[in-house]
Amino acid sequence: MIFSFALILGFQILGEAIVRLFGLPVPGPVLGMVLMLFAFFLKDDLVDGIRPTAGVLLANMSLLFVPAGVGIMRHGERFMNEGVGIAVTLVASTLIAMAVSGYVILLVQKVLKIEDDE
């Protein structure tokens, strides 16, 4: 489990280093996950080694949201003042993401010539 956890953290640190080195507009942990995905393709047994540790991390993922909850509680007045703007932004960004995802799926279907089963 220590090796798996070190490997996950290593990919996160590598992603963060690359982002900072090249000034990329992507979060370091996201780039680290992409690099880990490529590593999974290159070495098949890597997935089986990380799976138990990843399962434990996912099972306890709710603990990772505690700092966000504390931040919301500490800045309650700000949410009261700017809550409408935050809510509108959340709804609008969700709708935009859903629309873009739908169009990308349609584009991929057209490019790959996949027919709908309807």
Foldseek 3Di string as FASTA:
>chain_A
DVVLVVLLVVLLVVQCVVCVVVVDPDRSSVNSVVVVVVVCVVDVCNCVVNVVVVVVCVVPVVVVCVVVVVVCVVPVVVCVVCVVVVVVVVVVVVVVVVVVVVVVVVVVCVVVVPDDPD
